Each structure stands twice: as C-alpha cells, then as structure tokens.
Amino acid sequence: MAAIEWLERFREDVGRLKGAWIAISEDGVVCRGDTAKEVLAEAKERTEKNVIVFKVPRKDEETHVL
C-alpha cells in the first residue's frame, strides 16, 4: 500500500498523533515516540514488516515535501 493511500485510510489515527514521530506499516500505527531514532528502534522490535517513520506535523509547524 502506498503511503498516501495509508494516510487516507488511517487519517483519524494520524490526526490524534500531531507532533509525534510515528512508525506505520500496512496494518496501521506500529508505535509513536519523541524521536525518529526511538520510534525506528521500537518498530524493529514490534514487527518484521517494513515501516515508514515520520513526524506528524502540528498546525503551527510548516510542512515541506521534497
């Protein structure tokens, strides 16, 4: 599942996690934390599936897509 499709599918879950770093898999949110490093380490312990790690921006944070 593409990341954009996932975000649309789990929009409400992601909306509740504003300001947090999260790891997501095709099944949903794997874990959340304060840093990308922390989240990636925890995700590796929780699942063998591929995950995407990113910070969910708060309203006061700018979002840039590269």
N, C-alpha and C. Protein backbone atom coordinates (compact mmCIF):
# COMPACT_ATOMS: atom_id res chain seq x y z
N MET A 1 0.85 -1.18 0.00
CA MET A 1 0.00 0.00 0.00
C MET A 1 0.90 1.24 0.00
N ALA A 2 0.61 2.18 -0.86
CA ALA A 2 1.38 3.41 -0.94
C ALA A 2 1.12 4.26 0.30
N ALA A 3 2.10 5.08 0.66
CA ALA A 3 1.99 5.91 1.86
C ALA A 3 0.78 6.84 1.80
N ILE A 4 0.50 7.41 0.64
CA ILE A 4 -0.64 8.31 0.51
C ILE A 4 -1.95 7.56 0.76
N GLU A 5 -2.06 6.35 0.21
CA GLU A 5 -3.25 5.54 0.45
C GLU A 5 -3.41 5.23 1.93
N TRP A 6 -2.29 4.92 2.58
CA TRP A 6 -2.33 4.61 4.00
C TRP A 6 -2.82 5.82 4.80
N LEU A 7 -2.26 6.99 4.48
CA LEU A 7 -2.65 8.20 5.22
C LEU A 7 -4.14 8.49 5.07
N GLU A 8 -4.67 8.24 3.90
CA GLU A 8 -6.10 8.45 3.69
C GLU A 8 -6.91 7.44 4.50
N ARG A 9 -6.45 6.20 4.52
CA ARG A 9 -7.17 5.13 5.23
C ARG A 9 -7.16 5.34 6.74
N PHE A 10 -6.04 5.82 7.28
CA PHE A 10 -5.88 5.96 8.73
C PHE A 10 -5.81 7.43 9.15
N ARG A 11 -6.50 8.30 8.42
CA ARG A 11 -6.45 9.75 8.67
C ARG A 11 -6.79 10.10 10.12
N GLU A 12 -7.81 9.49 10.70
CA GLU A 12 -8.21 9.81 12.07
C GLU A 12 -7.14 9.40 13.07
N ASP A 13 -6.52 8.23 12.87
CA ASP A 13 -5.45 7.78 13.76
C ASP A 13 -4.30 8.77 13.75
N VAL A 14 -3.90 9.17 12.56
CA VAL A 14 -2.77 10.09 12.42
C VAL A 14 -3.12 11.46 13.02
N GLY A 15 -4.35 11.90 12.84
CA GLY A 15 -4.78 13.19 13.37
C GLY A 15 -4.65 13.30 14.88
N ARG A 16 -4.77 12.19 15.58
CA ARG A 16 -4.65 12.20 17.04
C ARG A 16 -3.20 12.19 17.50
N LEU A 17 -2.27 12.07 16.58
CA LEU A 17 -0.86 11.95 16.95
C LEU A 17 -0.04 13.17 16.54
N LYS A 18 -0.68 14.31 16.38
CA LYS A 18 0.03 15.52 15.94
C LYS A 18 1.19 15.85 16.87
N GLY A 19 2.35 16.11 16.26
CA GLY A 19 3.56 16.45 16.99
C GLY A 19 4.41 15.26 17.35
N ALA A 20 3.92 14.05 17.12
CA ALA A 20 4.68 12.83 17.48
C ALA A 20 5.37 12.22 16.27
N TRP A 21 6.45 11.54 16.51
CA TRP A 21 7.06 10.69 15.49
C TRP A 21 6.32 9.36 15.54
N ILE A 22 5.98 8.81 14.37
CA ILE A 22 5.27 7.53 14.35
C ILE A 22 5.90 6.60 13.32
N ALA A 23 5.69 5.31 13.54
CA ALA A 23 6.05 4.29 12.56
C ALA A 23 4.75 3.66 12.11
N ILE A 24 4.57 3.54 10.81
CA ILE A 24 3.37 2.92 10.27
C ILE A 24 3.75 1.74 9.39
N SER A 25 2.88 0.74 9.37
CA SER A 25 3.01 -0.38 8.45
C SER A 25 1.70 -0.47 7.69
N GLU A 26 1.56 -1.46 6.85
CA GLU A 26 0.31 -1.61 6.10
C GLU A 26 -0.87 -1.90 7.02
N ASP A 27 -0.59 -2.29 8.27
CA ASP A 27 -1.64 -2.62 9.23
C ASP A 27 -2.07 -1.45 10.10
N GLY A 28 -1.31 -0.38 10.11
CA GLY A 28 -1.65 0.77 10.93
C GLY A 28 -0.44 1.31 11.68
N VAL A 29 -0.70 2.09 12.72
CA VAL A 29 0.37 2.67 13.52
C VAL A 29 1.03 1.57 14.34
N VAL A 30 2.34 1.45 14.22
CA VAL A 30 3.10 0.44 14.95
C VAL A 30 3.49 0.99 16.32
N CYS A 31 3.98 2.23 16.35
CA CYS A 31 4.38 2.85 17.61
C CYS A 31 4.54 4.35 17.41
N ARG A 32 4.69 5.06 18.52
CA ARG A 32 4.92 6.50 18.47
C ARG A 32 5.98 6.86 19.48
N GLY A 33 6.61 8.04 19.32
CA GLY A 33 7.64 8.46 20.25
C GLY A 33 8.06 9.89 20.01
N ASP A 34 9.11 10.30 20.72
CA ASP A 34 9.58 11.68 20.66
C ASP A 34 10.66 11.91 19.60
N THR A 35 11.34 10.84 19.17
CA THR A 35 12.38 10.98 18.15
C THR A 35 12.25 9.87 17.10
N ALA A 36 12.75 10.16 15.92
CA ALA A 36 12.71 9.16 14.85
C ALA A 36 13.54 7.93 15.22
N LYS A 37 14.67 8.15 15.84
CA LYS A 37 15.55 7.05 16.24
C LYS A 37 14.86 6.11 17.23
N GLU A 38 14.20 6.70 18.21
CA GLU A 38 13.47 5.92 19.22
C GLU A 38 12.34 5.11 18.57
N VAL A 39 11.60 5.74 17.67
CA VAL A 39 10.47 5.08 17.02
C VAL A 39 10.95 3.94 16.12
N LEU A 40 12.01 4.16 15.37
CA LEU A 40 12.52 3.11 14.49
C LEU A 40 13.00 1.91 15.29
N ALA A 41 13.69 2.14 16.39
CA ALA A 41 14.17 1.04 17.24
C ALA A 41 13.00 0.24 17.80
N GLU A 42 11.96 0.93 18.28
CA GLU A 42 10.80 0.23 18.83
C GLU A 42 10.04 -0.53 17.75
N ALA A 43 9.93 0.08 16.57
CA ALA A 43 9.21 -0.59 15.47
C ALA A 43 9.92 -1.88 15.06
N LYS A 44 11.24 -1.87 15.05
CA LYS A 44 12.00 -3.08 14.71
C LYS A 44 11.76 -4.20 15.71
N GLU A 45 11.51 -3.84 16.97
CA GLU A 45 11.21 -4.85 17.99
C GLU A 45 9.78 -5.38 17.86
N ARG A 46 8.86 -4.55 17.38
CA ARG A 46 7.45 -4.92 17.34
C ARG A 46 7.01 -5.65 16.08
N THR A 47 7.69 -5.41 14.95
CA THR A 47 7.24 -6.01 13.70
C THR A 47 8.41 -6.30 12.77
N GLU A 48 8.21 -7.29 11.93
CA GLU A 48 9.20 -7.60 10.90
C GLU A 48 8.81 -6.95 9.57
N LYS A 49 7.63 -6.35 9.53
CA LYS A 49 7.15 -5.69 8.31
C LYS A 49 7.91 -4.39 8.08
N ASN A 50 7.92 -3.94 6.83
CA ASN A 50 8.51 -2.64 6.51
C ASN A 50 7.66 -1.54 7.14
N VAL A 51 8.32 -0.51 7.64
CA VAL A 51 7.60 0.61 8.24
C VAL A 51 8.08 1.92 7.61
N ILE A 52 7.24 2.92 7.70
CA ILE A 52 7.59 4.28 7.33
C ILE A 52 7.59 5.08 8.63
N VAL A 53 8.65 5.85 8.87
CA VAL A 53 8.75 6.66 10.08
C VAL A 53 8.68 8.12 9.66
N PHE A 54 7.80 8.87 10.30
CA PHE A 54 7.71 10.29 10.00
C PHE A 54 7.10 11.04 11.18
N LYS A 55 7.29 12.35 11.17
CA LYS A 55 6.71 13.19 12.21
C LYS A 55 5.38 13.74 11.69
N VAL A 56 4.35 13.60 12.51
CA VAL A 56 3.04 14.16 12.18
C VAL A 56 3.08 15.63 12.60
N PRO A 57 2.99 16.55 11.65
CA PRO A 57 3.14 17.97 12.00
C PRO A 57 1.95 18.50 12.79
N ARG A 58 2.26 19.43 13.70
CA ARG A 58 1.21 20.18 14.38
C ARG A 58 0.78 21.31 13.46
N LYS A 59 -0.33 21.93 13.78
CA LYS A 59 -0.83 23.02 12.95
C LYS A 59 0.17 24.17 12.85
N ASP A 60 0.95 24.39 13.90
CA ASP A 60 1.89 25.51 13.91
C ASP A 60 3.22 25.19 13.23
N GLU A 61 3.39 23.98 12.73
CA GLU A 61 4.62 23.59 12.04
C GLU A 61 4.40 23.62 10.54
N GLU A 62 5.39 24.10 9.82
CA GLU A 62 5.31 24.09 8.37
C GLU A 62 5.59 22.69 7.84
N THR A 63 4.99 22.36 6.72
CA THR A 63 5.22 21.08 6.09
C THR A 63 5.86 21.31 4.73
N HIS A 64 6.98 20.62 4.49
CA HIS A 64 7.68 20.73 3.22
C HIS A 64 7.80 19.35 2.60
N VAL A 65 7.50 19.24 1.36
CA VAL A 65 7.64 17.98 0.64
C VAL A 65 8.76 18.13 -0.36
N LEU A 66 9.73 17.23 -0.29
CA LEU A 66 10.88 17.29 -1.20
C LEU A 66 10.76 16.24 -2.28
